[in-house]
PDB file of all heavy atoms in Angstrom:
ATOM      1  N   LEU A   1       0.827  -1.203   0.000  1.00  0.00           N
ATOM      2  CA  LEU A   1       0.000   0.000   0.000  1.00  0.00           C
ATOM      3  C   LEU A   1       0.864   1.257   0.000  1.00  0.00           C
ATOM      4  O   LEU A   1       1.972   1.270   0.528  1.00  0.00           O
ATOM      5  CB  LEU A   1      -0.902   0.018   1.243  1.00  0.00           C
ATOM      6  CG  LEU A   1      -1.964  -1.070   1.365  1.00  0.00           C
ATOM      7  CD1 LEU A   1      -2.603  -1.018   2.759  1.00  0.00           C
ATOM      8  CD2 LEU A   1      -3.025  -0.904   0.281  1.00  0.00           C
ATOM      9  N   ASP A   2       0.341   2.326  -0.602  1.00  0.00           N
ATOM     10  CA  ASP A   2       0.959   3.641  -0.483  1.00  0.00           C
ATOM     11  C   ASP A   2       0.470   4.253   0.818  1.00  0.00           C
ATOM     12  O   ASP A   2      -0.671   4.705   0.912  1.00  0.00           O
ATOM     13  CB  ASP A   2       0.557   4.513  -1.679  1.00  0.00           C
ATOM     14  CG  ASP A   2       1.086   5.936  -1.560  1.00  0.00           C
ATOM     15  OD1 ASP A   2       1.938   6.194  -0.683  1.00  0.00           O
ATOM     16  OD2 ASP A   2       0.627   6.799  -2.341  1.00  0.00           O
ATOM     17  N   ALA A   3       1.337   4.224   1.835  1.00  0.00           N
ATOM     18  CA  ALA A   3       0.913   4.672   3.164  1.00  0.00           C
ATOM     19  C   ALA A   3       0.393   6.109   3.138  1.00  0.00           C
ATOM     20  O   ALA A   3      -0.540   6.453   3.872  1.00  0.00           O
ATOM     21  CB  ALA A   3       2.073   4.539   4.150  1.00  0.00           C
ATOM     22  N   ALA A   4       0.965   6.952   2.285  1.00  0.00           N
ATOM     23  CA  ALA A   4       0.559   8.362   2.229  1.00  0.00           C
ATOM     24  C   ALA A   4      -0.870   8.528   1.737  1.00  0.00           C
ATOM     25  O   ALA A   4      -1.497   9.574   1.975  1.00  0.00           O
ATOM     26  CB  ALA A   4       1.518   9.140   1.345  1.00  0.00           C
ATOM     27  N   SER A   5      -1.400   7.489   1.081  1.00  0.00           N
ATOM     28  CA  SER A   5      -2.772   7.571   0.570  1.00  0.00           C
ATOM     29  C   SER A   5      -3.806   7.142   1.590  1.00  0.00           C
ATOM     30  O   SER A   5      -5.015   7.331   1.376  1.00  0.00           O
ATOM     31  CB  SER A   5      -2.909   6.706  -0.686  1.00  0.00           C
ATOM     32  OG  SER A   5      -2.838   5.316  -0.353  1.00  0.00           O
ATOM     33  N   LEU A   6      -3.368   6.563   2.707  1.00  0.00           N
ATOM     34  CA  LEU A   6      -4.293   6.105   3.736  1.00  0.00           C
ATOM     35  C   LEU A   6      -4.744   7.278   4.601  1.00  0.00           C
ATOM     36  O   LEU A   6      -3.986   8.231   4.805  1.00  0.00           O
ATOM     37  CB  LEU A   6      -3.613   5.048   4.615  1.00  0.00           C
ATOM     38  CG  LEU A   6      -3.158   3.772   3.903  1.00  0.00           C
ATOM     39  CD1 LEU A   6      -2.282   2.935   4.832  1.00  0.00           C
ATOM     40  CD2 LEU A   6      -4.344   2.973   3.404  1.00  0.00           C
ATOM     41  N   PRO A   7      -5.962   7.220   5.143  1.00  0.00           N
ATOM     42  CA  PRO A   7      -6.445   8.327   5.977  1.00  0.00           C
ATOM     43  C   PRO A   7      -5.564   8.531   7.205  1.00  0.00           C
ATOM     44  O   PRO A   7      -5.238   7.575   7.917  1.00  0.00           O
ATOM     45  CB  PRO A   7      -7.852   7.878   6.383  1.00  0.00           C
ATOM     46  CG  PRO A   7      -8.247   6.851   5.369  1.00  0.00           C
ATOM     47  CD  PRO A   7      -6.986   6.166   4.961  1.00  0.00           C
ATOM     48  N   ALA A   8      -5.168   9.782   7.440  1.00  0.00           N
ATOM     49  CA  ALA A   8      -4.409  10.109   8.641  1.00  0.00           C
ATOM     50  C   ALA A   8      -5.364  10.174   9.826  1.00  0.00           C
ATOM     51  O   ALA A   8      -6.497  10.653   9.707  1.00  0.00           O
ATOM     52  CB  ALA A   8      -3.688  11.437   8.464  1.00  0.00           C
ATOM     53  N   VAL A   9      -4.927   9.677  10.968  1.00  0.00           N
ATOM     54  CA  VAL A   9      -5.728   9.688  12.190  1.00  0.00           C
ATOM     55  C   VAL A   9      -5.312  10.913  13.010  1.00  0.00           C
ATOM     56  O   VAL A   9      -4.136  11.067  13.358  1.00  0.00           O
ATOM     57  CB  VAL A   9      -5.525   8.400  13.003  1.00  0.00           C
ATOM     58  CG1 VAL A   9      -6.333   8.443  14.295  1.00  0.00           C
ATOM     59  CG2 VAL A   9      -5.911   7.182  12.163  1.00  0.00           C
ATOM     60  N   ALA A  10      -6.271  11.761  13.308  1.00  0.00           N
ATOM     61  CA  ALA A  10      -5.982  13.002  14.022  1.00  0.00           C
ATOM     62  C   ALA A  10      -5.842  12.757  15.519  1.00  0.00           C
ATOM     63  O   ALA A  10      -6.377  11.779  16.063  1.00  0.00           O
ATOM     64  CB  ALA A  10      -7.093  14.021  13.766  1.00  0.00           C
ATOM     65  N   GLY A  11      -5.128  13.658  16.178  1.00  0.00           N
ATOM     66  CA  GLY A  11      -5.026  13.609  17.630  1.00  0.00           C
ATOM     67  C   GLY A  11      -4.113  12.503  18.111  1.00  0.00           C
ATOM     68  O   GLY A  11      -3.272  11.988  17.376  1.00  0.00           O
ATOM     69  N   GLN A  12      -4.319  12.124  19.362  1.00  0.00           N
ATOM     70  CA  GLN A  12      -3.511  11.081  19.983  1.00  0.00           C
ATOM     71  C   GLN A  12      -4.434  10.045  20.628  1.00  0.00           C
ATOM     72  O   GLN A  12      -4.606  10.015  21.852  1.00  0.00           O
ATOM     73  CB  GLN A  12      -2.576  11.692  21.030  1.00  0.00           C
ATOM     74  CG  GLN A  12      -1.519  12.610  20.434  1.00  0.00           C
ATOM     75  CD  GLN A  12      -0.555  13.131  21.471  1.00  0.00           C
ATOM     76  OE1 GLN A  12      -0.949  13.484  22.584  1.00  0.00           O
ATOM     77  NE2 GLN A  12       0.722  13.185  21.137  1.00  0.00           N
ATOM     78  N   PRO A  13      -5.043   9.186  19.803  1.00  0.00           N
ATOM     79  CA  PRO A  13      -5.947   8.179  20.365  1.00  0.00           C
ATOM     80  C   PRO A  13      -5.204   7.164  21.209  1.00  0.00           C
ATOM     81  O   PRO A  13      -3.983   6.995  21.076  1.00  0.00           O
ATOM     82  CB  PRO A  13      -6.540   7.518  19.111  1.00  0.00           C
ATOM     83  CG  PRO A  13      -5.484   7.704  18.060  1.00  0.00           C
ATOM     84  CD  PRO A  13      -4.875   9.044  18.348  1.00  0.00           C
ATOM     85  N   ARG A  14      -5.947   6.503  22.087  1.00  0.00           N
ATOM     86  CA  ARG A  14      -5.367   5.395  22.854  1.00  0.00           C
ATOM     87  C   ARG A  14      -4.816   4.344  21.894  1.00  0.00           C
ATOM     88  O   ARG A  14      -5.420   4.028  20.873  1.00  0.00           O
ATOM     89  CB  ARG A  14      -6.436   4.761  23.733  1.00  0.00           C
ATOM     90  CG  ARG A  14      -6.002   3.448  24.387  1.00  0.00           C
ATOM     91  CD  ARG A  14      -7.140   2.748  25.107  1.00  0.00           C
ATOM     92  NE  ARG A  14      -6.719   1.413  25.539  1.00  0.00           N
ATOM     93  CZ  ARG A  14      -6.869   0.314  24.795  1.00  0.00           C
ATOM     94  NH1 ARG A  14      -7.453   0.376  23.618  1.00  0.00           N
ATOM     95  NH2 ARG A  14      -6.452  -0.862  25.260  1.00  0.00           N
ATOM     96  N   ILE A  15      -3.661   3.787  22.240  1.00  0.00           N
ATOM     97  CA  ILE A  15      -3.070   2.684  21.488  1.00  0.00           C
ATOM     98  C   ILE A  15      -3.341   1.391  22.246  1.00  0.00           C
ATOM     99  O   ILE A  15      -3.045   1.280  23.437  1.00  0.00           O
ATOM    100  CB  ILE A  15      -1.562   2.887  21.300  1.00  0.00           C
ATOM    101  CG1 ILE A  15      -1.275   4.191  20.543  1.00  0.00           C
ATOM    102  CG2 ILE A  15      -0.950   1.701  20.564  1.00  0.00           C
ATOM    103  CD1 ILE A  15      -1.845   4.252  19.150  1.00  0.00           C
ATOM    104  N   GLY A  16      -3.934   0.428  21.570  1.00  0.00           N
ATOM    105  CA  GLY A  16      -4.233  -0.860  22.191  1.00  0.00           C
ATOM    106  C   GLY A  16      -3.157  -1.882  21.888  1.00  0.00           C
ATOM    107  O   GLY A  16      -2.135  -1.584  21.264  1.00  0.00           O
ATOM    108  N   SER A  17      -3.371  -3.103  22.336  1.00  0.00           N
ATOM    109  CA  SER A  17      -2.495  -4.195  21.941  1.00  0.00           C
ATOM    110  C   SER A  17      -2.489  -4.289  20.419  1.00  0.00           C
ATOM    111  O   SER A  17      -3.547  -4.214  19.790  1.00  0.00           O
ATOM    112  CB  SER A  17      -3.001  -5.515  22.533  1.00  0.00           C
ATOM    113  OG  SER A  17      -2.410  -6.611  21.852  1.00  0.00           O
ATOM    114  N   PRO A  18      -1.318  -4.453  19.788  1.00  0.00           N
ATOM    115  CA  PRO A  18      -1.288  -4.550  18.327  1.00  0.00           C
ATOM    116  C   PRO A  18      -1.825  -5.868  17.790  1.00  0.00           C
ATOM    117  O   PRO A  18      -1.950  -6.024  16.580  1.00  0.00           O
ATOM    118  CB  PRO A  18       0.200  -4.392  17.995  1.00  0.00           C
ATOM    119  CG  PRO A  18       0.905  -4.880  19.212  1.00  0.00           C
ATOM    120  CD  PRO A  18       0.032  -4.492  20.375  1.00  0.00           C
ATOM    121  N   VAL A  19      -2.154  -6.780  18.670  1.00  0.00           N
ATOM    122  CA  VAL A  19      -2.710  -8.079  18.270  1.00  0.00           C
ATOM    123  C   VAL A  19      -4.093  -8.221  18.879  1.00  0.00           C
ATOM    124  O   VAL A  19      -4.262  -8.138  20.100  1.00  0.00           O
ATOM    125  CB  VAL A  19      -1.808  -9.236  18.744  1.00  0.00           C
ATOM    126  CG1 VAL A  19      -2.411 -10.584  18.352  1.00  0.00           C
ATOM    127  CG2 VAL A  19      -0.403  -9.086  18.170  1.00  0.00           C
ATOM    128  N   GLY A  20      -5.091  -8.410  18.024  1.00  0.00           N
ATOM    129  CA  GLY A  20      -6.459  -8.625  18.507  1.00  0.00           C
ATOM    130  C   GLY A  20      -6.795 -10.104  18.520  1.00  0.00           C
ATOM    131  O   GLY A  20      -6.326 -10.868  17.672  1.00  0.00           O
ATOM    132  N   GLY A  21      -7.601 -10.522  19.481  1.00  0.00           N
ATOM    133  CA  GLY A  21      -8.101 -11.896  19.513  1.00  0.00           C
ATOM    134  C   GLY A  21      -7.040 -12.958  19.491  1.00  0.00           C
ATOM    135  O   GLY A  21      -7.168 -13.965  18.781  1.00  0.00           O
ATOM    136  N   ALA A  22      -5.971 -12.776  20.254  1.00  0.00           N
ATOM    137  CA  ALA A  22      -4.866 -13.744  20.235  1.00  0.00           C
ATOM    138  C   ALA A  22      -5.354 -15.132  20.644  1.00  0.00           C
ATOM    139  O   ALA A  22      -5.938 -15.290  21.720  1.00  0.00           O
ATOM    140  CB  ALA A  22      -3.758 -13.283  21.174  1.00  0.00           C
ATOM    141  N   PRO A  23      -5.124 -16.155  19.815  1.00  0.00           N
ATOM    142  CA  PRO A  23      -5.530 -17.510  20.203  1.00  0.00           C
ATOM    143  C   PRO A  23      -4.826 -17.989  21.469  1.00  0.00           C
ATOM    144  O   PRO A  23      -5.436 -18.612  22.328  1.00  0.00           O
ATOM    145  CB  PRO A  23      -5.139 -18.364  18.988  1.00  0.00           C
ATOM    146  CG  PRO A  23      -5.034 -17.406  17.849  1.00  0.00           C
ATOM    147  CD  PRO A  23      -4.555 -16.124  18.459  1.00  0.00           C
ATOM    148  N   LYS A  24      -3.510 -17.715  21.553  1.00  0.00           N
ATOM    149  CA  LYS A  24      -2.738 -18.144  22.711  1.00  0.00           C
ATOM    150  C   LYS A  24      -1.758 -17.049  23.103  1.00  0.00           C
ATOM    151  O   LYS A  24      -1.269 -16.309  22.249  1.00  0.00           O
ATOM    152  CB  LYS A  24      -1.961 -19.435  22.404  1.00  0.00           C
ATOM    153  CG  LYS A  24      -2.836 -20.647  22.150  1.00  0.00           C
ATOM    154  CD  LYS A  24      -2.021 -21.930  22.080  1.00  0.00           C
ATOM    155  CE  LYS A  24      -1.245 -22.113  20.803  1.00  0.00           C
ATOM    156  NZ  LYS A  24      -2.100 -22.249  19.609  1.00  0.00           N
ATOM    157  N   PHE A  25      -1.484 -16.972  24.413  1.00  0.00           N
ATOM    158  CA  PHE A  25      -0.480 -16.051  24.951  1.00  0.00           C
ATOM    159  C   PHE A  25       0.472 -16.927  25.750  1.00  0.00           C
ATOM    160  O   PHE A  25       0.183 -17.321  26.880  1.00  0.00           O
ATOM    161  CB  PHE A  25      -1.163 -15.008  25.821  1.00  0.00           C
ATOM    162  CG  PHE A  25      -0.319 -13.817  26.211  1.00  0.00           C
ATOM    163  CD1 PHE A  25      -0.867 -12.811  26.995  1.00  0.00           C
ATOM    164  CD2 PHE A  25       1.002 -13.704  25.819  1.00  0.00           C
ATOM    165  CE1 PHE A  25      -0.123 -11.703  27.364  1.00  0.00           C
ATOM    166  CE2 PHE A  25       1.766 -12.603  26.182  1.00  0.00           C
ATOM    167  CZ  PHE A  25       1.197 -11.595  26.962  1.00  0.00           C
ATOM    168  N   ILE A  26       1.606 -17.273  25.124  1.00  0.00           N
ATOM    169  CA  ILE A  26       2.556 -18.241  25.669  1.00  0.00           C
ATOM    170  C   ILE A  26       3.760 -17.475  26.212  1.00  0.00           C
ATOM    171  O   ILE A  26       4.150 -16.440  25.662  1.00  0.00           O
ATOM    172  CB  ILE A  26       3.009 -19.226  24.572  1.00  0.00           C
ATOM    173  CG1 ILE A  26       1.791 -19.823  23.843  1.00  0.00           C
ATOM    174  CG2 ILE A  26       3.879 -20.335  25.151  1.00  0.00           C
ATOM    175  CD1 ILE A  26       2.143 -20.510  22.535  1.00  0.00           C
ATOM    176  N   ALA A  27       4.371 -17.985  27.260  1.00  0.00           N
ATOM    177  CA  ALA A  27       5.531 -17.322  27.845  1.00  0.00           C
ATOM    178  C   ALA A  27       6.648 -18.315  28.113  1.00  0.00           C
ATOM    179  O   ALA A  27       6.407 -19.484  28.407  1.00  0.00           O
ATOM    180  CB  ALA A  27       5.140 -16.605  29.134  1.00  0.00           C
ATOM    181  N   ILE A  28       7.875 -17.811  27.995  1.00  0.00           N
ATOM    182  CA  ILE A  28       9.075 -18.598  28.276  1.00  0.00           C
ATOM    183  C   ILE A  28       9.711 -18.041  29.540  1.00  0.00           C
ATOM    184  O   ILE A  28       9.958 -16.835  29.649  1.00  0.00           O
ATOM    185  CB  ILE A  28      10.077 -18.520  27.108  1.00  0.00           C
ATOM    186  CG1 ILE A  28       9.405 -18.919  25.787  1.00  0.00           C
ATOM    187  CG2 ILE A  28      11.287 -19.395  27.388  1.00  0.00           C
ATOM    188  CD1 ILE A  28       8.864 -20.334  25.748  1.00  0.00           C
ATOM    189  N   GLY A  29       9.985 -18.901  30.517  1.00  0.00           N
ATOM    190  CA  GLY A  29      10.534 -18.468  31.792  1.00  0.00           C
ATOM    191  C   GLY A  29      12.037 -18.666  31.887  1.00  0.00           C
ATOM    192  O   GLY A  29      12.604 -19.566  31.244  1.00  0.00           O
ATOM    193  N   LEU A  30      12.686 -17.824  32.670  1.00  0.00           N
ATOM    194  CA  LEU A  30      14.117 -17.959  32.975  1.00  0.00           C
ATOM    195  C   LEU A  30      14.960 -18.122  31.717  1.00  0.00           C
ATOM    196  O   LEU A  30      15.822 -18.993  31.633  1.00  0.00           O
ATOM    197  CB  LEU A  30      14.354 -19.139  33.925  1.00  0.00           C
ATOM    198  CG  LEU A  30      13.680 -19.043  35.298  1.00  0.00           C
ATOM    199  CD1 LEU A  30      13.926 -20.308  36.095  1.00  0.00           C
ATOM    200  CD2 LEU A  30      14.169 -17.823  36.074  1.00  0.00           C
ATOM    201  N   ASN A  31      14.725 -17.248  30.728  1.00  0.00           N
ATOM    202  CA  ASN A  31      15.402 -17.396  29.448  1.00  0.00           C
ATOM    203  C   ASN A  31      16.643 -16.513  29.322  1.00  0.00           C
ATOM    204  O   ASN A  31      17.181 -16.368  28.236  1.00  0.00           O
ATOM    205  CB  ASN A  31      14.435 -17.122  28.293  1.00  0.00           C
ATOM    206  CG  ASN A  31      14.969 -17.628  26.972  1.00  0.00           C
ATOM    207  OD1 ASN A  31      15.727 -18.593  26.934  1.00  0.00           O
ATOM    208  ND2 ASN A  31      14.596 -16.971  25.883  1.00  0.00           N
ATOM    209  N   TYR A  32      17.061 -15.890  30.425  1.00  0.00           N
ATOM    210  CA  TYR A  32      18.315 -15.133  30.455  1.00  0.00           C
ATOM    211  C   TYR A  32      19.135 -15.680  31.623  1.00  0.00           C
ATOM    212  O   TYR A  32      18.632 -15.754  32.755  1.00  0.00           O
ATOM    213  CB  TYR A  32      18.049 -13.641  30.640  1.00  0.00           C
ATOM    214  CG  TYR A  32      17.454 -12.965  29.419  1.00  0.00           C
ATOM    215  CD1 TYR A  32      16.137 -13.219  29.022  1.00  0.00           C
ATOM    216  CD2 TYR A  32      18.208 -12.073  28.660  1.00  0.00           C
ATOM    217  CE1 TYR A  32      15.595 -12.614  27.907  1.00  0.00           C
ATOM    218  CE2 TYR A  32      17.673 -11.449  27.547  1.00  0.00           C
ATOM    219  CZ  TYR A  32      16.364 -11.725  27.169  1.00  0.00           C
ATOM    220  OH  TYR A  32      15.819 -11.114  26.063  1.00  0.00           O
ATOM    221  N   ALA A  33      20.367 -16.062  31.363  1.00  0.00           N
ATOM    222  CA  ALA A  33      21.171 -16.737  32.384  1.00  0.00           C
ATOM    223  C   ALA A  33      21.322 -15.886  33.635  1.00  0.00           C
ATOM    224  O   ALA A  33      21.241 -16.394  34.767  1.00  0.00           O
ATOM    225  CB  ALA A  33      22.539 -17.086  31.815  1.00  0.00           C
ATOM    226  N   ASP A  34      21.509 -14.564  33.454  1.00  0.00           N
ATOM    227  CA  ASP A  34      21.715 -13.711  34.615  1.00  0.00           C
ATOM    228  C   ASP A  34      20.424 -13.505  35.403  1.00  0.00           C
ATOM    229  O   ASP A  34      20.450 -13.277  36.607  1.00  0.00           O
ATOM    230  CB  ASP A  34      22.345 -12.366  34.226  1.00  0.00           C
ATOM    231  CG  ASP A  34      21.890 -11.854  32.871  1.00  0.00           C
ATOM    232  OD1 ASP A  34      20.900 -12.393  32.329  1.00  0.00           O
ATOM    233  OD2 ASP A  34      22.514 -10.912  32.350  1.00  0.00           O
ATOM    234  N   HIS A  35      19.269 -13.618  34.728  1.00  0.00           N
ATOM    235  CA  HIS A  35      17.996 -13.553  35.460  1.00  0.00           C
ATOM    236  C   HIS A  35      17.783 -14.836  36.262  1.00  0.00           C
ATOM    237  O   HIS A  35      17.296 -14.798  37.397  1.00  0.00           O
ATOM    238  CB  HIS A  35      16.840 -13.329  34.495  1.00  0.00           C
ATOM    239  CG  HIS A  35      15.486 -13.423  35.133  1.00  0.00           C
ATOM    240  ND1 HIS A  35      15.137 -12.695  36.249  1.00  0.00           N
ATOM    241  CD2 HIS A  35      14.389 -14.167  34.823  1.00  0.00           C
ATOM    242  CE1 HIS A  35      13.884 -12.970  36.594  1.00  0.00           C
ATOM    243  NE2 HIS A  35      13.419 -13.876  35.752  1.00  0.00           N
ATOM    244  N   ALA A  36      18.129 -15.980  35.680  1.00  0.00           N
ATOM    245  CA  ALA A  36      18.023 -17.243  36.428  1.00  0.00           C
ATOM    246  C   ALA A  36      18.883 -17.185  37.685  1.00  0.00           C
ATOM    247  O   ALA A  36      18.474 -17.649  38.762  1.00  0.00           O
ATOM    248  CB  ALA A  36      18.440 -18.417  35.543  1.00  0.00           C
ATOM    249  N   ALA A  37      20.061 -16.567  37.560  1.00  0.00           N
ATOM    250  CA  ALA A  37      20.958 -16.467  38.715  1.00  0.00           C
ATOM    251  C   ALA A  37      20.352 -15.611  39.817  1.00  0.00           C
ATOM    252  O   ALA A  37      20.409 -15.966  40.998  1.00  0.00           O
ATOM    253  CB  ALA A  37      22.306 -15.898  38.280  1.00  0.00           C
ATOM    254  N   GLU A  38      19.743 -14.475  39.437  1.00  0.00           N
ATOM    255  CA  GLU A  38      19.170 -13.608  40.469  1.00  0.00           C
ATOM    256  C   GLU A  38      17.946 -14.249  41.115  1.00  0.00           C
ATOM    257  O   GLU A  38      17.576 -13.909  42.235  1.00  0.00           O
ATOM    258  CB  GLU A  38      18.820 -12.225  39.908  1.00  0.00           C
ATOM    259  CG  GLU A  38      17.581 -12.158  39.033  1.00  0.00           C
ATOM    260  CD  GLU A  38      17.189 -10.737  38.661  1.00  0.00           C
ATOM    261  OE1 GLU A  38      17.744  -9.775  39.214  1.00  0.00           O
ATOM    262  OE2 GLU A  38      16.303 -10.593  37.788  1.00  0.00           O
ATOM    263  N   ALA A  39      17.299 -15.180  40.406  1.00  0.00           N
ATOM    264  CA  ALA A  39      16.161 -15.903  40.966  1.00  0.00           C
ATOM    265  C   ALA A  39      16.596 -17.145  41.744  1.00  0.00           C
ATOM    266  O   ALA A  39      15.748 -17.896  42.239  1.00  0.00           O
ATOM    267  CB  ALA A  39      15.201 -16.310  39.843  1.00  0.00           C
ATOM    268  N   ASN A  40      17.914 -17.366  41.816  1.00  0.00           N
ATOM    269  CA  ASN A  40      18.471 -18.532  42.512  1.00  0.00           C
ATOM    270  C   ASN A  40      17.939 -19.837  41.944  1.00  0.00           C
ATOM    271  O   ASN A  40      17.618 -20.774  42.682  1.00  0.00           O
ATOM    272  CB  ASN A  40      18.196 -18.455  44.021  1.00  0.00           C
ATOM    273  CG  ASN A  40      18.929 -17.305  44.680  1.00  0.00           C
ATOM    274  OD1 ASN A  40      20.116 -17.097  44.439  1.00  0.00           O
ATOM    275  ND2 ASN A  40      18.212 -16.543  45.506  1.00  0.00           N
ATOM    276  N   MET A  41      17.848 -19.887  40.606  1.00  0.00           N
ATOM    277  CA  MET A  41      17.364 -21.080  39.927  1.00  0.00           C
ATOM    278  C   MET A  41      18.376 -21.494  38.872  1.00  0.00           C
ATOM    279  O   MET A  41      19.072 -20.647  38.296  1.00  0.00           O
ATOM    280  CB  MET A  41      15.988 -20.818  39.301  1.00  0.00           C
ATOM    281  CG  MET A  41      14.923 -20.441  40.331  1.00  0.00           C
ATOM    282  SD  MET A  41      13.273 -20.240  39.627  1.00  0.00           S
ATOM    283  CE  MET A  41      12.821 -21.953  39.332  1.00  0.00           C
ATOM    284  N   PRO A  42      18.506 -22.797  38.622  1.00  0.00           N
ATOM    285  CA  PRO A  42      19.485 -23.264  37.640  1.00  0.00           C
ATOM    286  C   PRO A  42      19.100 -22.831  36.222  1.00  0.00           C
ATOM    287  O   PRO A  42      17.924 -22.625  35.915  1.00  0.00           O
ATOM    288  CB  PRO A  42      19.436 -24.787  37.790  1.00  0.00           C
ATOM    289  CG  PRO A  42      18.072 -25.072  38.352  1.00  0.00           C
ATOM    290  CD  PRO A  42      17.746 -23.906  39.237  1.00  0.00           C
ATOM    291  N   ILE A  43      20.129 -22.694  35.374  1.00  0.00           N
ATOM    292  CA  ILE A  43      19.863 -22.408  33.967  1.00  0.00           C
ATOM    293  C   ILE A  43      19.118 -23.599  33.362  1.00  0.00           C
ATOM    294  O   ILE A  43      19.574 -24.741  33.469  1.00  0.00           O
ATOM    295  CB  ILE A  43      21.181 -22.150  33.218  1.00  0.00           C
ATOM    296  CG1 ILE A  43      21.827 -20.860  33.737  1.00  0.00           C
ATOM    297  CG2 ILE A  43      20.945 -22.060  31.719  1.00  0.00           C
ATOM    298  CD1 ILE A  43      23.185 -20.584  33.162  1.00  0.00           C
ATOM    299  N   PRO A  44      17.966 -23.366  32.767  1.00  0.00           N
ATOM    300  CA  PRO A  44      17.174 -24.494  32.254  1.00  0.00           C
ATOM    301  C   PRO A  44      17.862 -25.185  31.080  1.00  0.00           C
ATOM    302  O   PRO A  44      18.541 -24.543  30.275  1.00  0.00           O
ATOM    303  CB  PRO A  44      15.860 -23.848  31.836  1.00  0.00           C
ATOM    304  CG  PRO A  44      16.169 -22.402  31.651  1.00  0.00           C
ATOM    305  CD  PRO A  44      17.280 -22.074  32.582  1.00  0.00           C
ATOM    306  N   SER A  45      17.680 -26.498  30.990  1.00  0.00           N
ATOM    307  CA  SER A  45      18.267 -27.276  29.896  1.00  0.00           C
ATOM    308  C   SER A  45      17.380 -27.260  28.662  1.00  0.00           C
ATOM    309  O   SER A  45      17.832 -27.608  27.563  1.00  0.00           O
ATOM    310  CB  SER A  45      18.512 -28.720  30.348  1.00  0.00           C
ATOM    311  OG  SER A  45      17.289 -29.315  30.765  1.00  0.00           O
ATOM    312  N   GLU A  46      16.127 -26.897  28.824  1.00  0.00           N
ATOM    313  CA  GLU A  46      15.217 -26.665  27.700  1.00  0.00           C
ATOM    314  C   GLU A  46      14.219 -25.605  28.135  1.00  0.00           C
ATOM    315  O   GLU A  46      14.095 -25.306  29.324  1.00  0.00           O
ATOM    316  CB  GLU A  46      14.522 -27.950  27.259  1.00  0.00           C
ATOM    317  CG  GLU A  46      13.726 -28.676  28.299  1.00  0.00           C
ATOM    318  CD  GLU A  46      13.136 -29.971  27.723  1.00  0.00           C
ATOM    319  OE1 GLU A  46      12.111 -29.902  27.033  1.00  0.00           O
ATOM    320  OE2 GLU A  46      13.722 -31.049  27.963  1.00  0.00           O
ATOM    321  N   PRO A  47      13.519 -24.973  27.189  1.00  0.00           N
ATOM    322  CA  PRO A  47      12.662 -23.840  27.554  1.00  0.00           C
ATOM    323  C   PRO A  47      11.599 -24.201  28.593  1.00  0.00           C
ATOM    324  O   PRO A  47      10.960 -25.254  28.520  1.00  0.00           O
ATOM    325  CB  PRO A  47      12.014 -23.455  26.221  1.00  0.00           C
ATOM    326  CG  PRO A  47      13.004 -23.889  25.192  1.00  0.00           C
ATOM    327  CD  PRO A  47      13.591 -25.160  25.727  1.00  0.00           C
TER     328      PRO A  47
END
């Protein structure tokens, strides 16, 4: 698309999550070695 041809949105509207209706919201824990250390937990061998 030619972005300049799209309607400009005036003002400063609220910005929402850029993803609507997410099927799943998955998280990976202790994925930084130095964070695992501060949590007193071993570096995981798999996610």
